[in-house]
Full PDB file with SEQRES, HELIX, SHEET, SSBOND, CRYST1, ORIGX, SCALE, CONECT and MASTER records, all heavy atoms in Angstrom:
SEQRES   1 A   37  TYR GLY TYR GLN ALA ARG LEU THR ALA ASP ARG LEU ASN          
SEQRES   2 A   37  ALA PRO PRO GLU GLN ILE ARG GLU SER LEU GLU ARG LEU          
SEQRES   3 A   37  VAL TYR LYS GLY PHE VAL PRO HIS PHE LEU LYS                  
HELIX    1 AA1 GLY A    2  LEU A   12  1                                  11    
HELIX    2 AA2 PRO A   16  LEU A   23  1                                   8    
HELIX    3 AA3 GLU A   24  TYR A   28  3                                   5    
HELIX    4 AA4 VAL A   32  LEU A   36  5                                   5    
CRYST1    1.000    1.000    1.000  90.00  90.00  90.00 P 1           1          
ORIGX1      1.000000  0.000000  0.000000        0.00000                         
ORIGX2      0.000000  1.000000  0.000000        0.00000                         
ORIGX3      0.000000  0.000000  1.000000        0.00000                         
SCALE1      1.000000  0.000000  0.000000        0.00000                         
SCALE2      0.000000  1.000000  0.000000        0.00000                         
SCALE3      0.000000  0.000000  1.000000        0.00000                         
ATOM      1  N   TYR A   1       9.703  -1.437  -2.720  1.00  0.00           N  
ATOM      2  CA  TYR A   1       8.246  -1.377  -2.666  1.00  0.00           C  
ATOM      3  C   TYR A   1       7.622  -2.743  -2.929  1.00  0.00           C  
ATOM      4  O   TYR A   1       6.614  -3.112  -2.321  1.00  0.00           O  
ATOM      5  CB  TYR A   1       7.711  -0.341  -3.660  1.00  0.00           C  
ATOM      6  CG  TYR A   1       8.079   1.070  -3.295  1.00  0.00           C  
ATOM      7  CD1 TYR A   1       9.010   1.794  -4.039  1.00  0.00           C  
ATOM      8  CD2 TYR A   1       7.504   1.699  -2.193  1.00  0.00           C  
ATOM      9  CE1 TYR A   1       9.348   3.087  -3.697  1.00  0.00           C  
ATOM     10  CE2 TYR A   1       7.847   2.990  -1.836  1.00  0.00           C  
ATOM     11  CZ  TYR A   1       8.770   3.684  -2.597  1.00  0.00           C  
ATOM     12  OH  TYR A   1       9.112   4.968  -2.252  1.00  0.00           O  
ATOM     13  N   GLY A   2       8.219  -3.506  -3.829  1.00  0.00           N  
ATOM     14  CA  GLY A   2       7.724  -4.853  -4.087  1.00  0.00           C  
ATOM     15  C   GLY A   2       7.927  -5.764  -2.890  1.00  0.00           C  
ATOM     16  O   GLY A   2       7.037  -6.548  -2.532  1.00  0.00           O  
ATOM     17  N   TYR A   3       9.099  -5.661  -2.274  1.00  0.00           N  
ATOM     18  CA  TYR A   3       9.385  -6.493  -1.098  1.00  0.00           C  
ATOM     19  C   TYR A   3       8.458  -6.131   0.056  1.00  0.00           C  
ATOM     20  O   TYR A   3       7.901  -7.006   0.728  1.00  0.00           O  
ATOM     21  CB  TYR A   3      10.845  -6.303  -0.696  1.00  0.00           C  
ATOM     22  CG  TYR A   3      11.277  -7.146   0.483  1.00  0.00           C  
ATOM     23  CD1 TYR A   3      11.214  -8.533   0.427  1.00  0.00           C  
ATOM     24  CD2 TYR A   3      11.754  -6.544   1.645  1.00  0.00           C  
ATOM     25  CE1 TYR A   3      11.610  -9.312   1.501  1.00  0.00           C  
ATOM     26  CE2 TYR A   3      12.156  -7.314   2.724  1.00  0.00           C  
ATOM     27  CZ  TYR A   3      12.079  -8.697   2.650  1.00  0.00           C  
ATOM     28  OH  TYR A   3      12.472  -9.462   3.726  1.00  0.00           O  
ATOM     29  N   GLN A   4       8.267  -4.857   0.277  1.00  0.00           N  
ATOM     30  CA  GLN A   4       7.367  -4.391   1.333  1.00  0.00           C  
ATOM     31  C   GLN A   4       5.944  -4.904   1.095  1.00  0.00           C  
ATOM     32  O   GLN A   4       5.263  -5.343   2.030  1.00  0.00           O  
ATOM     33  CB  GLN A   4       7.368  -2.866   1.357  1.00  0.00           C  
ATOM     34  CG  GLN A   4       6.406  -2.239   2.336  1.00  0.00           C  
ATOM     35  CD  GLN A   4       6.510  -0.720   2.304  1.00  0.00           C  
ATOM     36  OE1 GLN A   4       7.115  -0.124   3.165  1.00  0.00           O  
ATOM     37  NE2 GLN A   4       5.924  -0.102   1.304  1.00  0.00           N  
ATOM     38  N   ALA A   5       5.493  -4.852  -0.152  1.00  0.00           N  
ATOM     39  CA  ALA A   5       4.155  -5.344  -0.488  1.00  0.00           C  
ATOM     40  C   ALA A   5       4.044  -6.847  -0.247  1.00  0.00           C  
ATOM     41  O   ALA A   5       3.013  -7.334   0.252  1.00  0.00           O  
ATOM     42  CB  ALA A   5       3.814  -5.007  -1.935  1.00  0.00           C  
ATOM     43  N   ARG A   6       5.092  -7.604  -0.586  1.00  0.00           N  
ATOM     44  CA  ARG A   6       5.055  -9.055  -0.371  1.00  0.00           C  
ATOM     45  C   ARG A   6       4.967  -9.389   1.119  1.00  0.00           C  
ATOM     46  O   ARG A   6       4.211 -10.276   1.523  1.00  0.00           O  
ATOM     47  CB  ARG A   6       6.284  -9.720  -0.998  1.00  0.00           C  
ATOM     48  CG  ARG A   6       6.279  -9.701  -2.517  1.00  0.00           C  
ATOM     49  CD  ARG A   6       7.292 -10.665  -3.094  1.00  0.00           C  
ATOM     50  NE  ARG A   6       8.664 -10.361  -2.715  1.00  0.00           N  
ATOM     51  CZ  ARG A   6       9.443  -9.478  -3.353  1.00  0.00           C  
ATOM     52  NH1 ARG A   6       8.956  -8.804  -4.400  1.00  0.00           N  
ATOM     53  NH2 ARG A   6      10.683  -9.273  -2.973  1.00  0.00           N  
ATOM     54  N   LEU A   7       5.745  -8.680   1.931  1.00  0.00           N  
ATOM     55  CA  LEU A   7       5.702  -8.926   3.373  1.00  0.00           C  
ATOM     56  C   LEU A   7       4.324  -8.591   3.938  1.00  0.00           C  
ATOM     57  O   LEU A   7       3.802  -9.297   4.801  1.00  0.00           O  
ATOM     58  CB  LEU A   7       6.766  -8.086   4.077  1.00  0.00           C  
ATOM     59  CG  LEU A   7       8.215  -8.476   3.852  1.00  0.00           C  
ATOM     60  CD1 LEU A   7       9.144  -7.465   4.532  1.00  0.00           C  
ATOM     61  CD2 LEU A   7       8.495  -9.878   4.382  1.00  0.00           C  
ATOM     62  N   THR A   8       3.747  -7.490   3.461  1.00  0.00           N  
ATOM     63  CA  THR A   8       2.414  -7.101   3.922  1.00  0.00           C  
ATOM     64  C   THR A   8       1.381  -8.117   3.462  1.00  0.00           C  
ATOM     65  O   THR A   8       0.503  -8.533   4.241  1.00  0.00           O  
ATOM     66  CB  THR A   8       2.057  -5.703   3.387  1.00  0.00           C  
ATOM     67  OG1 THR A   8       3.071  -4.761   3.752  1.00  0.00           O  
ATOM     68  CG2 THR A   8       0.724  -5.232   3.959  1.00  0.00           C  
ATOM     69  N   ALA A   9       1.477  -8.548   2.206  1.00  0.00           N  
ATOM     70  CA  ALA A   9       0.526  -9.520   1.648  1.00  0.00           C  
ATOM     71  C   ALA A   9       0.590 -10.846   2.388  1.00  0.00           C  
ATOM     72  O   ALA A   9      -0.445 -11.498   2.613  1.00  0.00           O  
ATOM     73  CB  ALA A   9       0.811  -9.718   0.162  1.00  0.00           C  
ATOM     74  N   ASP A  10       1.796 -11.274   2.773  1.00  0.00           N  
ATOM     75  CA  ASP A  10       1.946 -12.535   3.505  1.00  0.00           C  
ATOM     76  C   ASP A  10       1.141 -12.512   4.799  1.00  0.00           C  
ATOM     77  O   ASP A  10       0.588 -13.539   5.216  1.00  0.00           O  
ATOM     78  CB  ASP A  10       3.416 -12.791   3.828  1.00  0.00           C  
ATOM     79  CG  ASP A  10       4.221 -13.201   2.603  1.00  0.00           C  
ATOM     80  OD1 ASP A  10       3.597 -13.539   1.574  1.00  0.00           O  
ATOM     81  OD2 ASP A  10       5.454 -13.154   2.677  1.00  0.00           O  
ATOM     82  N   ARG A  11       1.078 -11.351   5.435  1.00  0.00           N  
ATOM     83  CA  ARG A  11       0.351 -11.222   6.708  1.00  0.00           C  
ATOM     84  C   ARG A  11      -1.160 -11.163   6.508  1.00  0.00           C  
ATOM     85  O   ARG A  11      -1.911 -11.312   7.466  1.00  0.00           O  
ATOM     86  CB  ARG A  11       0.860  -9.987   7.458  1.00  0.00           C  
ATOM     87  CG  ARG A  11       2.243 -10.207   8.053  1.00  0.00           C  
ATOM     88  CD  ARG A  11       3.022  -8.927   8.282  1.00  0.00           C  
ATOM     89  NE  ARG A  11       4.276  -9.210   8.983  1.00  0.00           N  
ATOM     90  CZ  ARG A  11       5.357  -9.697   8.398  1.00  0.00           C  
ATOM     91  NH1 ARG A  11       5.351  -9.945   7.106  1.00  0.00           N  
ATOM     92  NH2 ARG A  11       6.452  -9.934   9.100  1.00  0.00           N  
ATOM     93  N   LEU A  12      -1.579 -10.927   5.277  1.00  0.00           N  
ATOM     94  CA  LEU A  12      -3.010 -10.828   4.976  1.00  0.00           C  
ATOM     95  C   LEU A  12      -3.504 -11.968   4.104  1.00  0.00           C  
ATOM     96  O   LEU A  12      -4.695 -12.031   3.787  1.00  0.00           O  
ATOM     97  CB  LEU A  12      -3.291  -9.494   4.270  1.00  0.00           C  
ATOM     98  CG  LEU A  12      -3.031  -8.228   5.092  1.00  0.00           C  
ATOM     99  CD1 LEU A  12      -3.108  -7.000   4.190  1.00  0.00           C  
ATOM    100  CD2 LEU A  12      -4.016  -8.123   6.241  1.00  0.00           C  
ATOM    101  N   ASN A  13      -2.578 -12.837   3.694  1.00  0.00           N  
ATOM    102  CA  ASN A  13      -2.917 -13.928   2.766  1.00  0.00           C  
ATOM    103  C   ASN A  13      -3.599 -13.370   1.519  1.00  0.00           C  
ATOM    104  O   ASN A  13      -4.675 -13.825   1.100  1.00  0.00           O  
ATOM    105  CB  ASN A  13      -3.811 -14.970   3.453  1.00  0.00           C  
ATOM    106  CG  ASN A  13      -3.920 -16.262   2.652  1.00  0.00           C  
ATOM    107  OD1 ASN A  13      -3.011 -16.612   1.896  1.00  0.00           O  
ATOM    108  ND2 ASN A  13      -5.025 -16.970   2.809  1.00  0.00           N  
ATOM    109  N   ALA A  14      -2.958 -12.341   0.946  1.00  0.00           N  
ATOM    110  CA  ALA A  14      -3.520 -11.638  -0.209  1.00  0.00           C  
ATOM    111  C   ALA A  14      -2.480 -11.561  -1.318  1.00  0.00           C  
ATOM    112  O   ALA A  14      -1.278 -11.718  -1.075  1.00  0.00           O  
ATOM    113  CB  ALA A  14      -3.970 -10.238   0.195  1.00  0.00           C  
ATOM    114  N   PRO A  15      -2.895 -11.297  -2.565  1.00  0.00           N  
ATOM    115  CA  PRO A  15      -1.941 -11.170  -3.678  1.00  0.00           C  
ATOM    116  C   PRO A  15      -1.047  -9.936  -3.495  1.00  0.00           C  
ATOM    117  O   PRO A  15      -1.565  -8.835  -3.239  1.00  0.00           O  
ATOM    118  CB  PRO A  15      -2.842 -11.006  -4.910  1.00  0.00           C  
ATOM    119  CG  PRO A  15      -4.171 -11.524  -4.494  1.00  0.00           C  
ATOM    120  CD  PRO A  15      -4.300 -11.229  -3.029  1.00  0.00           C  
ATOM    121  N   PRO A  16       0.267 -10.086  -3.631  1.00  0.00           N  
ATOM    122  CA  PRO A  16       1.184  -8.946  -3.430  1.00  0.00           C  
ATOM    123  C   PRO A  16       0.890  -7.745  -4.329  1.00  0.00           C  
ATOM    124  O   PRO A  16       0.994  -6.601  -3.883  1.00  0.00           O  
ATOM    125  CB  PRO A  16       2.560  -9.548  -3.741  1.00  0.00           C  
ATOM    126  CG  PRO A  16       2.406 -10.995  -3.434  1.00  0.00           C  
ATOM    127  CD  PRO A  16       1.000 -11.338  -3.820  1.00  0.00           C  
ATOM    128  N   GLU A  17       0.531  -7.986  -5.594  1.00  0.00           N  
ATOM    129  CA  GLU A  17       0.262  -6.857  -6.490  1.00  0.00           C  
ATOM    130  C   GLU A  17      -0.971  -6.072  -6.049  1.00  0.00           C  
ATOM    131  O   GLU A  17      -1.018  -4.851  -6.167  1.00  0.00           O  
ATOM    132  CB  GLU A  17       0.103  -7.341  -7.932  1.00  0.00           C  
ATOM    133  CG  GLU A  17       1.420  -7.679  -8.602  1.00  0.00           C  
ATOM    134  CD  GLU A  17       2.425  -6.551  -8.532  1.00  0.00           C  
ATOM    135  OE1 GLU A  17       2.038  -5.387  -8.833  1.00  0.00           O  
ATOM    136  OE2 GLU A  17       3.581  -6.790  -8.164  1.00  0.00           O  
ATOM    137  N   GLN A  18      -1.950  -6.787  -5.530  1.00  0.00           N  
ATOM    138  CA  GLN A  18      -3.147  -6.105  -5.014  1.00  0.00           C  
ATOM    139  C   GLN A  18      -2.783  -5.239  -3.806  1.00  0.00           C  
ATOM    140  O   GLN A  18      -3.250  -4.096  -3.684  1.00  0.00           O  
ATOM    141  CB  GLN A  18      -4.194  -7.138  -4.611  1.00  0.00           C  
ATOM    142  CG  GLN A  18      -5.429  -6.536  -3.942  1.00  0.00           C  
ATOM    143  CD  GLN A  18      -6.353  -7.617  -3.407  1.00  0.00           C  
ATOM    144  OE1 GLN A  18      -6.545  -8.661  -4.036  1.00  0.00           O  
ATOM    145  NE2 GLN A  18      -6.922  -7.384  -2.237  1.00  0.00           N  
ATOM    146  N   ILE A  19      -1.944  -5.774  -2.937  1.00  0.00           N  
ATOM    147  CA  ILE A  19      -1.534  -5.027  -1.741  1.00  0.00           C  
ATOM    148  C   ILE A  19      -0.659  -3.845  -2.127  1.00  0.00           C  
ATOM    149  O   ILE A  19      -0.801  -2.743  -1.566  1.00  0.00           O  
ATOM    150  CB  ILE A  19      -0.791  -5.952  -0.764  1.00  0.00           C  
ATOM    151  CG1 ILE A  19      -1.733  -7.035  -0.244  1.00  0.00           C  
ATOM    152  CG2 ILE A  19      -0.193  -5.157   0.382  1.00  0.00           C  
ATOM    153  CD1 ILE A  19      -2.969  -6.506   0.472  1.00  0.00           C  
ATOM    154  N   ARG A  20       0.216  -4.041  -3.105  1.00  0.00           N  
ATOM    155  CA  ARG A  20       1.048  -2.917  -3.540  1.00  0.00           C  
ATOM    156  C   ARG A  20       0.182  -1.786  -4.083  1.00  0.00           C  
ATOM    157  O   ARG A  20       0.438  -0.608  -3.796  1.00  0.00           O  
ATOM    158  CB  ARG A  20       2.056  -3.380  -4.593  1.00  0.00           C  
ATOM    159  CG  ARG A  20       2.981  -2.264  -5.064  1.00  0.00           C  
ATOM    160  CD  ARG A  20       4.152  -2.798  -5.835  1.00  0.00           C  
ATOM    161  NE  ARG A  20       5.062  -1.722  -6.226  1.00  0.00           N  
ATOM    162  CZ  ARG A  20       6.268  -1.923  -6.747  1.00  0.00           C  
ATOM    163  NH1 ARG A  20       6.717  -3.158  -6.937  1.00  0.00           N  
ATOM    164  NH2 ARG A  20       7.027  -0.905  -7.083  1.00  0.00           N  
ATOM    165  N   GLU A  21      -0.840  -2.119  -4.867  1.00  0.00           N  
ATOM    166  CA  GLU A  21      -1.739  -1.096  -5.404  1.00  0.00           C  
ATOM    167  C   GLU A  21      -2.498  -0.401  -4.281  1.00  0.00           C  
ATOM    168  O   GLU A  21      -2.679   0.824  -4.304  1.00  0.00           O  
ATOM    169  CB  GLU A  21      -2.716  -1.739  -6.387  1.00  0.00           C  
ATOM    170  CG  GLU A  21      -3.611  -0.757  -7.136  1.00  0.00           C  
ATOM    171  CD  GLU A  21      -4.818  -0.294  -6.316  1.00  0.00           C  
ATOM    172  OE1 GLU A  21      -5.303  -1.080  -5.465  1.00  0.00           O  
ATOM    173  OE2 GLU A  21      -5.262   0.857  -6.513  1.00  0.00           O  
ATOM    174  N   SER A  22      -2.928  -1.167  -3.277  1.00  0.00           N  
ATOM    175  CA  SER A  22      -3.657  -0.581  -2.152  1.00  0.00           C  
ATOM    176  C   SER A  22      -2.769   0.362  -1.350  1.00  0.00           C  
ATOM    177  O   SER A  22      -3.211   1.449  -0.943  1.00  0.00           O  
ATOM    178  CB  SER A  22      -4.196  -1.686  -1.243  1.00  0.00           C  
ATOM    179  OG  SER A  22      -5.167  -2.471  -1.906  1.00  0.00           O  
ATOM    180  N   LEU A  23      -1.527  -0.029  -1.111  1.00  0.00           N  
ATOM    181  CA  LEU A  23      -0.605   0.838  -0.363  1.00  0.00           C  
ATOM    182  C   LEU A  23      -0.309   2.116  -1.146  1.00  0.00           C  
ATOM    183  O   LEU A  23      -0.237   3.207  -0.565  1.00  0.00           O  
ATOM    184  CB  LEU A  23       0.690   0.087  -0.063  1.00  0.00           C  
ATOM    185  CG  LEU A  23       0.577  -1.068   0.940  1.00  0.00           C  
ATOM    186  CD1 LEU A  23       1.906  -1.800   1.054  1.00  0.00           C  
ATOM    187  CD2 LEU A  23       0.132  -0.566   2.310  1.00  0.00           C  
ATOM    188  N   GLU A  24      -0.145   1.984  -2.449  1.00  0.00           N  
ATOM    189  CA  GLU A  24       0.110   3.156  -3.283  1.00  0.00           C  
ATOM    190  C   GLU A  24      -1.078   4.119  -3.227  1.00  0.00           C  
ATOM    191  O   GLU A  24      -0.913   5.334  -3.056  1.00  0.00           O  
ATOM    192  CB  GLU A  24       0.368   2.728  -4.723  1.00  0.00           C  
ATOM    193  CG  GLU A  24       0.685   3.858  -5.676  1.00  0.00           C  
ATOM    194  CD  GLU A  24       2.031   4.501  -5.416  1.00  0.00           C  
ATOM    195  OE1 GLU A  24       2.905   3.850  -4.795  1.00  0.00           O  
ATOM    196  OE2 GLU A  24       2.208   5.670  -5.820  1.00  0.00           O  
ATOM    197  N   ARG A  25      -2.290   3.568  -3.345  1.00  0.00           N  
ATOM    198  CA  ARG A  25      -3.500   4.401  -3.388  1.00  0.00           C  
ATOM    199  C   ARG A  25      -3.841   4.992  -2.023  1.00  0.00           C  
ATOM    200  O   ARG A  25      -4.155   6.183  -1.916  1.00  0.00           O  
ATOM    201  CB  ARG A  25      -4.661   3.550  -3.903  1.00  0.00           C  
ATOM    202  CG  ARG A  25      -6.008   4.253  -3.894  1.00  0.00           C  
ATOM    203  CD  ARG A  25      -7.052   3.403  -4.622  1.00  0.00           C  
ATOM    204  NE  ARG A  25      -7.044   2.025  -4.174  1.00  0.00           N  
ATOM    205  CZ  ARG A  25      -7.752   1.574  -3.119  1.00  0.00           C  
ATOM    206  NH1 ARG A  25      -8.510   2.405  -2.432  1.00  0.00           N  
ATOM    207  NH2 ARG A  25      -7.705   0.295  -2.786  1.00  0.00           N  
ATOM    208  N   LEU A  26      -3.736   4.187  -0.972  1.00  0.00           N  
ATOM    209  CA  LEU A  26      -4.212   4.628   0.340  1.00  0.00           C  
ATOM    210  C   LEU A  26      -3.153   5.348   1.153  1.00  0.00           C  
ATOM    211  O   LEU A  26      -3.474   6.294   1.887  1.00  0.00           O  
ATOM    212  CB  LEU A  26      -4.715   3.419   1.139  1.00  0.00           C  
ATOM    213  CG  LEU A  26      -5.930   2.695   0.556  1.00  0.00           C  
ATOM    214  CD1 LEU A  26      -6.182   1.393   1.305  1.00  0.00           C  
ATOM    215  CD2 LEU A  26      -7.161   3.587   0.611  1.00  0.00           C  
ATOM    216  N   VAL A  27      -1.907   4.915   1.040  1.00  0.00           N  
ATOM    217  CA  VAL A  27      -0.838   5.477   1.875  1.00  0.00           C  
ATOM    218  C   VAL A  27      -0.021   6.506   1.106  1.00  0.00           C  
ATOM    219  O   VAL A  27       0.007   7.692   1.459  1.00  0.00           O  
ATOM    220  CB  VAL A  27       0.081   4.361   2.419  1.00  0.00           C  
ATOM    221  CG1 VAL A  27       1.232   4.960   3.217  1.00  0.00           C  
ATOM    222  CG2 VAL A  27      -0.722   3.391   3.293  1.00  0.00           C  
ATOM    223  N   TYR A  28       0.630   6.076   0.047  1.00  0.00           N  
ATOM    224  CA  TYR A  28       1.573   6.969  -0.627  1.00  0.00           C  
ATOM    225  C   TYR A  28       0.886   8.126  -1.352  1.00  0.00           C  
ATOM    226  O   TYR A  28       1.434   9.229  -1.419  1.00  0.00           O  
ATOM    227  CB  TYR A  28       2.452   6.164  -1.580  1.00  0.00           C  
ATOM    228  CG  TYR A  28       3.415   5.267  -0.834  1.00  0.00           C  
ATOM    229  CD1 TYR A  28       3.200   3.898  -0.729  1.00  0.00           C  
ATOM    230  CD2 TYR A  28       4.517   5.803  -0.182  1.00  0.00           C  
ATOM    231  CE1 TYR A  28       4.062   3.076  -0.017  1.00  0.00           C  
ATOM    232  CE2 TYR A  28       5.391   4.995   0.529  1.00  0.00           C  
ATOM    233  CZ  TYR A  28       5.160   3.631   0.613  1.00  0.00           C  
ATOM    234  OH  TYR A  28       6.019   2.837   1.328  1.00  0.00           O  
ATOM    235  N   LYS A  29      -0.305   7.887  -1.873  1.00  0.00           N  
ATOM    236  CA  LYS A  29      -1.063   8.966  -2.499  1.00  0.00           C  
ATOM    237  C   LYS A  29      -2.202   9.459  -1.601  1.00  0.00           C  
ATOM    238  O   LYS A  29      -2.512  10.645  -1.597  1.00  0.00           O  
ATOM    239  CB  LYS A  29      -1.626   8.508  -3.849  1.00  0.00           C  
ATOM    240  CG  LYS A  29      -0.553   8.255  -4.899  1.00  0.00           C  
ATOM    241  CD  LYS A  29      -1.165   7.823  -6.227  1.00  0.00           C  
ATOM    242  CE  LYS A  29      -0.075   7.591  -7.273  1.00  0.00           C  
ATOM    243  NZ  LYS A  29      -0.637   7.095  -8.566  1.00  0.00           N  
ATOM    244  N   GLY A  30      -2.783   8.552  -0.830  1.00  0.00           N  
ATOM    245  CA  GLY A  30      -3.949   8.889  -0.040  1.00  0.00           C  
ATOM    246  C   GLY A  30      -3.688   9.839   1.107  1.00  0.00           C  
ATOM    247  O   GLY A  30      -4.568  10.619   1.501  1.00  0.00           O  
ATOM    248  N   PHE A  31      -2.476   9.799   1.673  1.00  0.00           N  
ATOM    249  CA  PHE A  31      -2.156  10.688   2.785  1.00  0.00           C  
ATOM    250  C   PHE A  31      -1.934  12.134   2.320  1.00  0.00           C  
ATOM    251  O   PHE A  31      -2.143  13.078   3.080  1.00  0.00           O  
ATOM    252  CB  PHE A  31      -0.896  10.214   3.504  1.00  0.00           C  
ATOM    253  CG  PHE A  31      -1.077   8.994   4.371  1.00  0.00           C  
ATOM    254  CD1 PHE A  31      -2.226   8.220   4.298  1.00  0.00           C  
ATOM    255  CD2 PHE A  31      -0.084   8.606   5.255  1.00  0.00           C  
ATOM    256  CE1 PHE A  31      -2.386   7.084   5.089  1.00  0.00           C  
ATOM    257  CE2 PHE A  31      -0.225   7.485   6.055  1.00  0.00           C  
ATOM    258  CZ  PHE A  31      -1.373   6.711   5.975  1.00  0.00           C  
ATOM    259  N   VAL A  32      -1.499  12.300   1.082  1.00  0.00           N  
ATOM    260  CA  VAL A  32      -0.993  13.596   0.614  1.00  0.00           C  
ATOM    261  C   VAL A  32      -2.010  14.735   0.686  1.00  0.00           C  
ATOM    262  O   VAL A  32      -1.675  15.834   1.160  1.00  0.00           O  
ATOM    263  CB  VAL A  32      -0.424  13.462  -0.819  1.00  0.00           C  
ATOM    264  CG1 VAL A  32      -0.135  14.832  -1.423  1.00  0.00           C  
ATOM    265  CG2 VAL A  32       0.840  12.613  -0.795  1.00  0.00           C  
ATOM    266  N   PRO A  33      -3.269  14.567   0.242  1.00  0.00           N  
ATOM    267  CA  PRO A  33      -4.206  15.700   0.268  1.00  0.00           C  
ATOM    268  C   PRO A  33      -4.435  16.287   1.659  1.00  0.00           C  
ATOM    269  O   PRO A  33      -4.753  17.472   1.787  1.00  0.00           O  
ATOM    270  CB  PRO A  33      -5.499  15.091  -0.300  1.00  0.00           C  
ATOM    271  CG  PRO A  33      -5.046  13.937  -1.129  1.00  0.00           C  
ATOM    272  CD  PRO A  33      -3.862  13.382  -0.414  1.00  0.00           C  
ATOM    273  N   HIS A  34      -4.267  15.480   2.694  1.00  0.00           N  
ATOM    274  CA  HIS A  34      -4.487  15.976   4.052  1.00  0.00           C  
ATOM    275  C   HIS A  34      -3.506  17.092   4.425  1.00  0.00           C  
ATOM    276  O   HIS A  34      -3.793  17.908   5.303  1.00  0.00           O  
ATOM    277  CB  HIS A  34      -4.367  14.832   5.057  1.00  0.00           C  
ATOM    278  CG  HIS A  34      -5.434  13.781   4.900  1.00  0.00           C  
ATOM    279  ND1 HIS A  34      -6.730  13.962   5.333  1.00  0.00           N  
ATOM    280  CD2 HIS A  34      -5.400  12.553   4.333  1.00  0.00           C  
ATOM    281  CE1 HIS A  34      -7.447  12.889   5.055  1.00  0.00           C  
ATOM    282  NE2 HIS A  34      -6.667  12.014   4.444  1.00  0.00           N  
ATOM    283  N   PHE A  35      -2.377  17.121   3.740  1.00  0.00           N  
ATOM    284  CA  PHE A  35      -1.362  18.121   4.081  1.00  0.00           C  
ATOM    285  C   PHE A  35      -1.748  19.528   3.645  1.00  0.00           C  
ATOM    286  O   PHE A  35      -1.123  20.493   4.054  1.00  0.00           O  
ATOM    287  CB  PHE A  35      -0.007  17.722   3.481  1.00  0.00           C  
ATOM    288  CG  PHE A  35       0.647  16.597   4.235  1.00  0.00           C  
ATOM    289  CD1 PHE A  35       0.318  15.286   3.981  1.00  0.00           C  
ATOM    290  CD2 PHE A  35       1.577  16.867   5.225  1.00  0.00           C  
ATOM    291  CE1 PHE A  35       0.892  14.248   4.686  1.00  0.00           C  
ATOM    292  CE2 PHE A  35       2.171  15.833   5.939  1.00  0.00           C  
ATOM    293  CZ  PHE A  35       1.817  14.522   5.681  1.00  0.00           C  
ATOM    294  N   LEU A  36      -2.795  19.645   2.830  1.00  0.00           N  
ATOM    295  CA  LEU A  36      -3.293  20.976   2.468  1.00  0.00           C  
ATOM    296  C   LEU A  36      -3.879  21.697   3.673  1.00  0.00           C  
ATOM    297  O   LEU A  36      -3.970  22.927   3.681  1.00  0.00           O  
ATOM    298  CB  LEU A  36      -4.347  20.859   1.369  1.00  0.00           C  
ATOM    299  CG  LEU A  36      -3.836  20.503  -0.026  1.00  0.00           C  
ATOM    300  CD1 LEU A  36      -5.000  20.114  -0.930  1.00  0.00           C  
ATOM    301  CD2 LEU A  36      -3.046  21.658  -0.619  1.00  0.00           C  
ATOM    302  N   LYS A  37      -4.280  20.940   4.682  1.00  0.00           N  
ATOM    303  CA  LYS A  37      -4.920  21.528   5.854  1.00  0.00           C  
ATOM    304  C   LYS A  37      -4.070  21.382   7.118  1.00  0.00           C  
ATOM    305  O   LYS A  37      -4.543  21.626   8.223  1.00  0.00           O  
ATOM    306  CB  LYS A  37      -6.292  20.888   6.070  1.00  0.00           C  
ATOM    307  CG  LYS A  37      -7.261  21.155   4.924  1.00  0.00           C  
ATOM    308  CD  LYS A  37      -8.633  20.574   5.197  1.00  0.00           C  
ATOM    309  CE  LYS A  37      -9.591  20.881   4.052  1.00  0.00           C  
ATOM    310  NZ  LYS A  37     -10.945  20.322   4.291  1.00  0.00           N  
TER     311      LYS A  37                                                      
MASTER        0    0    0    4    0    0    0    6  310    1    0    3          
END                                                                             
């Protein structure tokens, strides 16, 4: 997860920890509620 965040951050010129938090919030947790429907 750290490596994935670093690769993503490199493409956005952003801090890796910020990107890791965003991926966790938007993708890994954010997708889940949609499965109720």
